[in-house]
Amino acid sequence: LFKYSEGMNFTVKVPVSTPLLYPLLISTEVKLGETMTLHCITSTGTPPITYTLYRNQSSLQSVSTMQAIPAVFKITIATMEHSGEYRCKAENQISSQRSD
């Protein structure tokens, strides 16, 4: 006869992978006054995942998601200052990664 201890439950949390930032349209040229749509997604990571969009190192917007779907950022190009390098950061409870 075997006797067992009480069971223990473990929750495995997965770190976020390096996020991918991509435009809705193929072109990266936008006219003044237009709205640019950017998507950011990771291939792995335990939700909730918070995605933050940056332009030239400045934080612009954050979106949190409980599902493995892309974060959608809509940016209206109002001035020439909206030109620059855009990146996104993905983070969950255990890790944080930035797009290349």
C-alpha atoms as a PDB file:
ATOM      1  CA  LEU A   1       0.000   0.000   0.000  1.00  0.00           C
ATOM      2  CA  PHE A   2       1.305   3.477  -0.969  1.00  0.00           C
ATOM      3  CA  LYS A   3       0.678   6.721   0.802  1.00  0.00           C
ATOM      4  CA  TYR A   4       1.080  10.046  -0.958  1.00  0.00           C
ATOM      5  CA  SER A   5       1.605  13.526   0.369  1.00  0.00           C
ATOM      6  CA  GLU A   6      -0.873  16.240  -0.456  1.00  0.00           C
ATOM      7  CA  GLY A   7      -0.500  17.468  -4.027  1.00  0.00           C
ATOM      8  CA  MET A   8       0.982  20.803  -5.028  1.00  0.00           C
ATOM      9  CA  ASN A   9      -0.042  22.875  -8.015  1.00  0.00           C
ATOM     10  CA  PHE A  10       2.549  24.850  -9.973  1.00  0.00           C
ATOM     11  CA  THR A  11       1.920  27.595 -12.488  1.00  0.00           C
ATOM     12  CA  VAL A  12       4.501  27.945 -15.232  1.00  0.00           C
ATOM     13  CA  LYS A  13       4.936  31.504 -16.504  1.00  0.00           C
ATOM     14  CA  VAL A  14       6.534  32.105 -19.882  1.00  0.00           C
ATOM     15  CA  PRO A  15       8.705  35.184 -20.515  1.00  0.00           C
ATOM     16  CA  VAL A  16       7.808  37.394 -23.466  1.00  0.00           C
ATOM     17  CA  SER A  17       9.814  36.951 -26.652  1.00  0.00           C
ATOM     18  CA  THR A  18      11.280  39.852 -28.617  1.00  0.00           C
ATOM     19  CA  PRO A  19       8.256  41.691 -30.048  1.00  0.00           C
ATOM     20  CA  LEU A  20       7.719  42.326 -33.736  1.00  0.00           C
ATOM     21  CA  LEU A  21       6.542  45.805 -34.780  1.00  0.00           C
ATOM     22  CA  TYR A  22       5.011  46.097 -38.226  1.00  0.00           C
ATOM     23  CA  PRO A  23       2.809  48.591 -40.115  1.00  0.00           C
ATOM     24  CA  LEU A  24      -0.703  47.708 -41.253  1.00  0.00           C
ATOM     25  CA  LEU A  25       0.292  48.817 -44.763  1.00  0.00           C
ATOM     26  CA  ILE A  26       3.565  47.822 -46.386  1.00  0.00           C
ATOM     27  CA  SER A  27       4.773  51.414 -46.867  1.00  0.00           C
ATOM     28  CA  THR A  28       6.546  53.271 -44.064  1.00  0.00           C
ATOM     29  CA  GLU A  29       5.921  56.648 -45.726  1.00  0.00           C
ATOM     30  CA  VAL A  30       2.977  58.590 -44.341  1.00  0.00           C
ATOM     31  CA  LYS A  31       1.567  61.960 -45.421  1.00  0.00           C
ATOM     32  CA  LEU A  32       0.913  64.780 -42.985  1.00  0.00           C
ATOM     33  CA  GLY A  33      -2.599  64.432 -41.573  1.00  0.00           C
ATOM     34  CA  GLU A  34      -2.851  60.667 -42.207  1.00  0.00           C
ATOM     35  CA  THR A  35      -3.232  58.007 -39.539  1.00  0.00           C
ATOM     36  CA  MET A  36      -0.580  55.328 -39.301  1.00  0.00           C
ATOM     37  CA  THR A  37      -1.499  51.933 -37.829  1.00  0.00           C
ATOM     38  CA  LEU A  38       1.234  49.845 -36.217  1.00  0.00           C
ATOM     39  CA  HIS A  39       0.904  46.346 -34.773  1.00  0.00           C
ATOM     40  CA  CYS A  40       3.132  44.842 -32.081  1.00  0.00           C
ATOM     41  CA  ILE A  41       3.128  41.157 -31.099  1.00  0.00           C
ATOM     42  CA  THR A  42       5.255  38.558 -29.335  1.00  0.00           C
ATOM     43  CA  SER A  43       5.313  34.859 -30.180  1.00  0.00           C
ATOM     44  CA  THR A  44       5.464  33.783 -26.523  1.00  0.00           C
ATOM     45  CA  GLY A  45       4.579  35.160 -23.114  1.00  0.00           C
ATOM     46  CA  THR A  46       2.123  34.529 -20.318  1.00  0.00           C
ATOM     47  CA  PRO A  47      -0.676  37.145 -20.283  1.00  0.00           C
ATOM     48  CA  PRO A  48      -1.361  39.794 -19.368  1.00  0.00           C
ATOM     49  CA  ILE A  49       1.144  41.368 -21.743  1.00  0.00           C
ATOM     50  CA  THR A  50       1.564  45.136 -21.882  1.00  0.00           C
ATOM     51  CA  TYR A  51       2.800  46.597 -25.158  1.00  0.00           C
ATOM     52  CA  THR A  52       4.267  50.112 -25.181  1.00  0.00           C
ATOM     53  CA  LEU A  53       4.977  52.080 -28.362  1.00  0.00           C
ATOM     54  CA  TYR A  54       8.020  54.389 -28.448  1.00  0.00           C
ATOM     55  CA  ARG A  55       9.151  57.052 -30.896  1.00  0.00           C
ATOM     56  CA  ASN A  56      12.829  57.996 -30.591  1.00  0.00           C
ATOM     57  CA  GLN A  57      13.006  56.601 -27.017  1.00  0.00           C
ATOM     58  CA  SER A  58       9.836  58.464 -25.873  1.00  0.00           C
ATOM     59  CA  SER A  59       6.848  56.443 -24.692  1.00  0.00           C
ATOM     60  CA  LEU A  60       3.684  57.198 -26.705  1.00  0.00           C
ATOM     61  CA  GLN A  61       0.954  54.668 -25.866  1.00  0.00           C
ATOM     62  CA  SER A  62       0.457  51.437 -23.920  1.00  0.00           C
ATOM     63  CA  VAL A  63      -2.012  48.596 -24.487  1.00  0.00           C
ATOM     64  CA  SER A  64      -2.537  45.505 -22.307  1.00  0.00           C
ATOM     65  CA  THR A  65      -3.939  42.264 -23.643  1.00  0.00           C
ATOM     66  CA  MET A  66      -5.001  38.978 -22.073  1.00  0.00           C
ATOM     67  CA  GLN A  67      -4.838  37.106 -25.396  1.00  0.00           C
ATOM     68  CA  ALA A  68      -2.190  36.263 -27.994  1.00  0.00           C
ATOM     69  CA  ILE A  69      -3.281  39.008 -30.369  1.00  0.00           C
ATOM     70  CA  PRO A  70      -1.327  42.003 -31.681  1.00  0.00           C
ATOM     71  CA  ALA A  71      -1.540  45.334 -29.903  1.00  0.00           C
ATOM     72  CA  VAL A  72      -2.815  47.989 -32.323  1.00  0.00           C
ATOM     73  CA  PHE A  73      -1.483  51.539 -32.193  1.00  0.00           C
ATOM     74  CA  LYS A  74      -3.023  54.326 -34.298  1.00  0.00           C
ATOM     75  CA  ILE A  75      -0.898  57.446 -34.676  1.00  0.00           C
ATOM     76  CA  THR A  76      -2.175  60.567 -36.435  1.00  0.00           C
ATOM     77  CA  ILE A  77       0.737  62.256 -38.199  1.00  0.00           C
ATOM     78  CA  ALA A  78       0.069  65.868 -37.245  1.00  0.00           C
ATOM     79  CA  THR A  79       3.567  67.345 -37.489  1.00  0.00           C
ATOM     80  CA  MET A  80       6.965  66.558 -38.977  1.00  0.00           C
ATOM     81  CA  GLU A  81       8.062  65.637 -35.433  1.00  0.00           C
ATOM     82  CA  HIS A  82       6.132  62.373 -35.854  1.00  0.00           C
ATOM     83  CA  SER A  83       8.946  61.186 -38.138  1.00  0.00           C
ATOM     84  CA  GLY A  84      11.523  58.957 -36.503  1.00  0.00           C
ATOM     85  CA  GLU A  85      12.246  55.474 -35.259  1.00  0.00           C
ATOM     86  CA  TYR A  86       9.317  53.583 -33.759  1.00  0.00           C
ATOM     87  CA  ARG A  87       9.816  50.584 -31.470  1.00  0.00           C
ATOM     88  CA  CYS A  88       7.639  48.593 -29.147  1.00  0.00           C
ATOM     89  CA  LYS A  89       8.243  46.952 -25.800  1.00  0.00           C
ATOM     90  CA  ALA A  90       6.421  43.866 -24.554  1.00  0.00           C
ATOM     91  CA  GLU A  91       6.352  43.032 -20.875  1.00  0.00           C
ATOM     92  CA  ASN A  92       4.614  40.627 -18.547  1.00  0.00           C
ATOM     93  CA  GLN A  93       5.029  39.731 -14.865  1.00  0.00           C
ATOM     94  CA  ILE A  94       8.417  38.099 -15.402  1.00  0.00           C
ATOM     95  CA  SER A  95      10.191  39.743 -18.328  1.00  0.00           C
ATOM     96  CA  SER A  96      10.469  42.679 -20.725  1.00  0.00           C
ATOM     97  CA  GLN A  97      11.754  42.829 -24.324  1.00  0.00           C
ATOM     98  CA  ARG A  98      12.083  45.582 -26.960  1.00  0.00           C
ATOM     99  CA  SER A  99      11.722  45.248 -30.716  1.00  0.00           C
ATOM    100  CA  ASP A 100      14.854  45.614 -32.831  1.00  0.00           C
END
